[in-house]
Amino acid sequence: MKITTKNITLLATIAGVFTLASCTNNSALIVPDGAKRVPINQAENQVKVIPTISTTSNNPCMQMQAEVATMQAKIAQLEAQLIQNKLEQSRLQNMSKSEVASVIATPPESIKPPELTEATLLASTLFAFNQTTLLESGKAALKNFATSVTSMNNVKAISVVGYADRLGSEAYNHALSTKRADVVRAYLQFENNLSYIQFTTLGKGSVIGSAATQTCSNKLGHQALIDCLSPDRRVEINVY
């Protein structure tokens, strides 16, 4: 026989019946005064009173009855829990995949915290062409940016990413963009009292060009091409 809550309930009920039957004298009745009375003898027309033990603790039959009642109560609790589980399972089955995912899945923590602010400064503002020394215009721009950062609350980190144009070799442009990012980081961190903030720097060279330079043709003259590619030479600063 398959073991289910319903079967357990049936067995417990049968056990209770047999327990009560075994604990009850076939010829006696339990009456409110705690005594057992034999039904009226048809021959003798009299009632015999048989003293009984009134305390449950000393009466094995009454103890067994209490245990059966406790078991039945536990089974009732299990049945209620089973019904609740079936209802929840039915609800999940009727939900869409996206709804189920939103209920049972814990969204992963974002690797990158949300940005508080960001700025993209052209290298032409920060540096002379092919140089890594800050111009006065670059220092002024970075000072203004640092002032806005100090007015923010809960700043955790600042990332500085340098980019270069496509002129020159890839290795050279990578080194140039990395150096410029480091110079900007140092100026913000130590010259503008942002040393309490964690900084990261990265140079991406000429790997990612600006959309504004897609029309810059190599047929342009050298200076004209330098001017056209100016948006590629930039430093991006993100505050988290």
Protein backbone atom coordinates (compact mmCIF):
# COMPACT_ATOMS: atom_id res chain seq x y z
CA MET A 1 0.00 0.00 0.00
CA LYS A 2 1.29 3.45 -0.94
CA ILE A 3 2.24 5.50 2.09
CA THR A 4 0.41 8.80 2.00
CA THR A 5 -0.94 11.20 4.56
CA LYS A 6 -4.43 9.86 3.90
CA ASN A 7 -3.28 6.28 4.55
CA ILE A 8 -1.49 7.34 7.72
CA THR A 9 -4.69 8.97 8.93
CA LEU A 10 -6.65 5.79 8.18
CA LEU A 11 -4.14 3.61 10.02
CA ALA A 12 -4.09 5.96 12.99
CA THR A 13 -7.89 5.87 13.13
CA ILE A 14 -7.95 2.07 12.98
CA ALA A 15 -5.27 1.90 15.66
CA GLY A 16 -7.32 4.24 17.80
CA VAL A 17 -10.40 2.06 17.41
CA PHE A 18 -8.50 -1.08 18.39
CA THR A 19 -6.91 0.76 21.30
CA LEU A 20 -10.24 1.93 22.60
CA ALA A 21 -11.71 -1.52 22.08
CA SER A 22 -8.85 -3.18 23.97
CA CYS A 23 -9.05 -0.66 26.77
CA THR A 24 -12.85 -0.92 27.24
CA ASN A 25 -14.59 -3.72 29.10
CA ASN A 26 -17.25 -5.19 26.84
CA SER A 27 -19.72 -5.23 29.71
CA ALA A 28 -18.86 -1.82 31.26
CA LEU A 29 -19.72 1.79 30.62
CA ILE A 30 -17.65 4.84 31.63
CA VAL A 31 -19.90 7.33 33.38
CA PRO A 32 -19.26 10.90 34.56
CA ASP A 33 -18.62 9.95 38.18
CA GLY A 34 -15.53 7.99 37.16
CA ALA A 35 -16.95 4.54 37.80
CA LYS A 36 -17.61 1.69 35.45
CA ARG A 37 -21.12 0.31 35.57
CA VAL A 38 -22.17 -2.94 34.09
CA PRO A 39 -25.44 -2.66 32.15
CA ILE A 40 -28.52 -3.86 34.00
CA ASN A 41 -28.42 -7.60 34.28
CA GLN A 42 -31.59 -8.83 32.73
CA ALA A 43 -31.62 -11.81 35.03
CA GLU A 44 -30.74 -10.10 38.28
CA ASN A 45 -32.21 -6.66 37.39
CA GLN A 46 -29.35 -4.85 39.12
CA VAL A 47 -26.33 -2.71 38.39
CA LYS A 48 -22.83 -3.56 39.53
CA VAL A 49 -20.49 -0.62 40.19
CA ILE A 50 -16.81 -1.34 39.53
CA PRO A 51 -14.32 1.27 40.88
CA THR A 52 -11.93 2.68 38.26
CA ILE A 53 -8.70 4.66 38.35
CA SER A 54 -9.48 8.29 37.55
CA THR A 55 -5.97 9.66 36.89
CA THR A 56 -4.64 9.47 33.36
CA SER A 57 -1.02 9.08 34.46
CA ASN A 58 -1.74 5.76 36.17
CA ASN A 59 -4.14 4.49 33.56
CA PRO A 60 -2.40 2.87 30.53
CA CYS A 61 -5.60 2.87 28.49
CA MET A 62 -6.18 6.58 28.93
CA GLN A 63 -2.51 7.27 28.12
CA MET A 64 -2.89 5.35 24.87
CA GLN A 65 -6.02 7.31 24.06
CA ALA A 66 -4.14 10.59 24.61
CA GLU A 67 -1.28 9.41 22.37
CA VAL A 68 -3.73 8.52 19.60
CA ALA A 69 -5.32 11.98 19.88
CA THR A 70 -1.87 13.61 19.66
CA MET A 71 -0.98 11.57 16.59
CA GLN A 72 -4.23 12.52 14.87
CA ALA A 73 -3.56 16.20 15.58
CA LYS A 74 -0.09 15.94 14.02
CA ILE A 75 -1.51 14.19 10.99
CA ALA A 76 -4.05 16.99 10.58
CA GLN A 77 -1.20 19.51 10.60
CA LEU A 78 0.68 17.52 7.94
CA GLU A 79 -2.42 17.34 5.77
CA ALA A 80 -2.88 21.12 6.01
CA GLN A 81 0.77 21.67 5.06
CA LEU A 82 0.43 19.25 2.14
CA ILE A 83 -2.59 21.15 0.83
CA GLN A 84 -0.68 24.43 1.12
CA ASN A 85 2.29 22.97 -0.79
CA LYS A 86 0.01 21.72 -3.56
CA LEU A 87 -1.59 25.15 -3.89
CA GLU A 88 1.85 26.82 -4.11
CA GLN A 89 3.01 24.29 -6.69
CA SER A 90 -0.10 24.90 -8.77
CA ARG A 91 0.45 28.65 -8.57
CA LEU A 92 4.05 28.34 -9.79
CA GLN A 93 3.01 26.06 -12.65
CA ASN A 94 0.53 28.64 -13.86
CA MET A 95 3.09 31.44 -13.79
CA SER A 96 5.25 32.42 -16.75
CA LYS A 97 8.95 31.66 -16.75
CA SER A 98 9.83 35.30 -16.14
CA GLU A 99 7.43 35.50 -13.20
CA VAL A 100 8.82 32.32 -11.66
CA ALA A 101 12.36 33.61 -12.08
CA SER A 102 11.45 36.83 -10.31
CA VAL A 103 10.01 34.85 -7.38
CA ILE A 104 12.55 32.08 -6.85
CA ALA A 105 15.72 33.54 -8.31
CA THR A 106 17.94 35.93 -6.44
CA PRO A 107 19.28 38.56 -8.82
CA PRO A 108 23.08 38.60 -8.84
CA GLU A 109 24.78 41.59 -7.36
CA SER A 110 25.98 44.01 -9.96
CA ILE A 111 29.72 43.80 -10.49
CA LYS A 112 29.76 47.47 -11.35
CA PRO A 113 27.97 49.83 -8.95
CA PRO A 114 25.72 52.53 -10.42
CA GLU A 115 27.47 55.68 -11.58
CA LEU A 116 27.00 58.83 -9.54
CA THR A 117 28.43 61.04 -12.25
CA GLU A 118 30.69 60.89 -15.26
CA ALA A 119 32.72 63.20 -17.43
CA THR A 120 34.53 62.92 -20.72
CA LEU A 121 37.36 65.40 -21.13
CA LEU A 122 39.05 65.85 -24.49
CA ALA A 123 42.76 65.30 -24.49
CA SER A 124 43.11 68.58 -26.34
CA THR A 125 41.81 70.27 -23.20
CA LEU A 126 44.10 68.28 -20.92
CA PHE A 127 47.25 67.77 -22.95
CA ALA A 128 49.12 69.05 -25.96
CA PHE A 129 49.21 66.66 -28.89
CA ASN A 130 51.32 63.59 -28.15
CA GLN A 131 52.16 64.88 -24.64
CA THR A 132 51.39 63.72 -21.08
CA THR A 133 51.89 67.00 -19.18
CA LEU A 134 48.69 68.70 -18.07
CA LEU A 135 47.87 72.04 -19.63
CA GLU A 136 46.54 74.89 -17.49
CA SER A 137 43.18 74.42 -19.16
CA GLY A 138 43.30 70.75 -18.17
CA LYS A 139 44.12 71.55 -14.55
CA ALA A 140 41.20 73.99 -14.37
CA ALA A 141 38.81 71.41 -15.83
CA LEU A 142 39.96 68.73 -13.38
CA LYS A 143 39.72 71.13 -10.45
CA ASN A 144 36.10 71.90 -11.32
CA PHE A 145 35.38 68.21 -11.59
CA ALA A 146 37.00 67.51 -8.20
CA THR A 147 34.86 70.23 -6.62
CA SER A 148 31.70 68.54 -7.85
CA VAL A 149 32.92 65.20 -6.47
CA THR A 150 33.56 66.61 -2.98
CA SER A 151 29.97 67.85 -2.86
CA MET A 152 28.64 64.30 -3.35
CA ASN A 153 27.84 61.82 -0.63
CA ASN A 154 28.78 58.13 -0.52
CA VAL A 155 31.45 58.29 -3.22
CA LYS A 156 33.18 54.89 -3.22
CA ALA A 157 35.53 54.93 -6.18
CA ILE A 158 36.62 56.80 -9.31
CA SER A 159 37.80 55.20 -12.52
CA VAL A 160 39.93 57.02 -15.10
CA VAL A 161 40.15 55.57 -18.62
CA GLY A 162 42.42 57.01 -21.30
CA TYR A 163 41.95 56.73 -25.09
CA ALA A 164 44.14 57.61 -28.07
CA ASP A 165 43.51 58.21 -31.76
CA ARG A 166 44.52 55.76 -34.47
CA LEU A 167 47.69 57.62 -35.46
CA GLY A 168 50.80 55.68 -34.47
CA SER A 169 51.26 52.05 -33.45
CA GLU A 170 48.83 50.21 -31.21
CA ALA A 171 51.48 49.63 -28.53
CA TYR A 172 52.48 53.29 -28.49
CA ASN A 173 48.88 54.49 -28.26
CA HIS A 174 48.18 52.07 -25.42
CA ALA A 175 51.14 53.35 -23.44
CA LEU A 176 50.21 56.98 -24.17
CA SER A 177 46.58 56.55 -23.08
CA THR A 178 47.65 54.71 -19.91
CA LYS A 179 50.12 57.45 -18.97
CA ARG A 180 47.51 60.16 -19.47
CA ALA A 181 45.02 58.28 -17.29
CA ASP A 182 47.65 58.00 -14.56
CA VAL A 183 48.43 61.74 -14.75
CA VAL A 184 44.74 62.65 -14.44
CA ARG A 185 44.30 60.26 -11.51
CA ALA A 186 47.32 61.68 -9.68
CA TYR A 187 46.13 65.26 -10.15
CA LEU A 188 42.66 64.50 -8.86
CA GLN A 189 43.84 62.34 -6.01
CA PHE A 190 46.71 64.37 -4.62
CA GLU A 191 46.24 67.93 -5.90
CA ASN A 192 42.52 68.16 -5.23
CA ASN A 193 42.19 66.37 -1.87
CA LEU A 194 40.54 63.22 -3.18
CA SER A 195 43.07 60.83 -1.68
CA TYR A 196 40.34 59.28 0.51
CA ILE A 197 38.71 57.82 -2.62
CA GLN A 198 39.88 54.63 -4.29
CA PHE A 199 41.06 55.21 -7.87
CA THR A 200 41.54 52.84 -10.79
CA THR A 201 43.19 53.71 -14.10
CA LEU A 202 43.15 52.02 -17.48
CA GLY A 203 44.53 52.80 -20.92
CA LYS A 204 42.61 51.50 -23.93
CA GLY A 205 44.75 53.04 -26.63
CA SER A 206 43.08 53.34 -30.03
CA VAL A 207 40.93 50.23 -29.69
CA ILE A 208 37.64 52.14 -29.35
CA GLY A 209 37.20 55.17 -31.56
CA SER A 210 34.58 57.87 -31.20
CA ALA A 211 31.54 57.88 -33.47
CA ALA A 212 32.41 61.46 -34.36
CA THR A 213 35.62 60.39 -36.12
CA GLN A 214 34.22 57.73 -38.45
CA THR A 215 34.30 60.16 -41.35
CA CYS A 216 37.92 61.20 -40.76
CA SER A 217 39.73 60.16 -43.94
CA ASN A 218 43.42 59.44 -44.14
CA LYS A 219 43.41 61.56 -47.30
CA LEU A 220 43.21 64.65 -45.14
CA GLY A 221 46.35 66.58 -44.51
CA HIS A 222 48.35 65.67 -41.39
CA GLN A 223 47.14 68.54 -39.21
CA ALA A 224 43.63 68.32 -40.58
CA LEU A 225 43.57 64.62 -39.69
CA ILE A 226 44.89 65.36 -36.19
CA ASP A 227 42.14 67.91 -35.67
CA CYS A 228 39.49 65.56 -37.07
CA LEU A 229 40.55 62.73 -34.73
CA SER A 230 40.47 64.97 -31.66
CA PRO A 231 37.37 63.27 -30.14
CA ASP A 232 39.28 59.98 -30.06
CA ARG A 233 41.89 61.47 -27.78
CA ARG A 234 39.94 61.64 -24.56
CA VAL A 235 39.85 60.73 -20.87
CA GLU A 236 36.69 59.33 -19.32
CA ILE A 237 36.15 59.76 -15.58
CA ASN A 238 33.41 57.81 -13.77
CA VAL A 239 32.44 58.31 -10.14
CA TYR A 240 30.81 55.47 -8.18
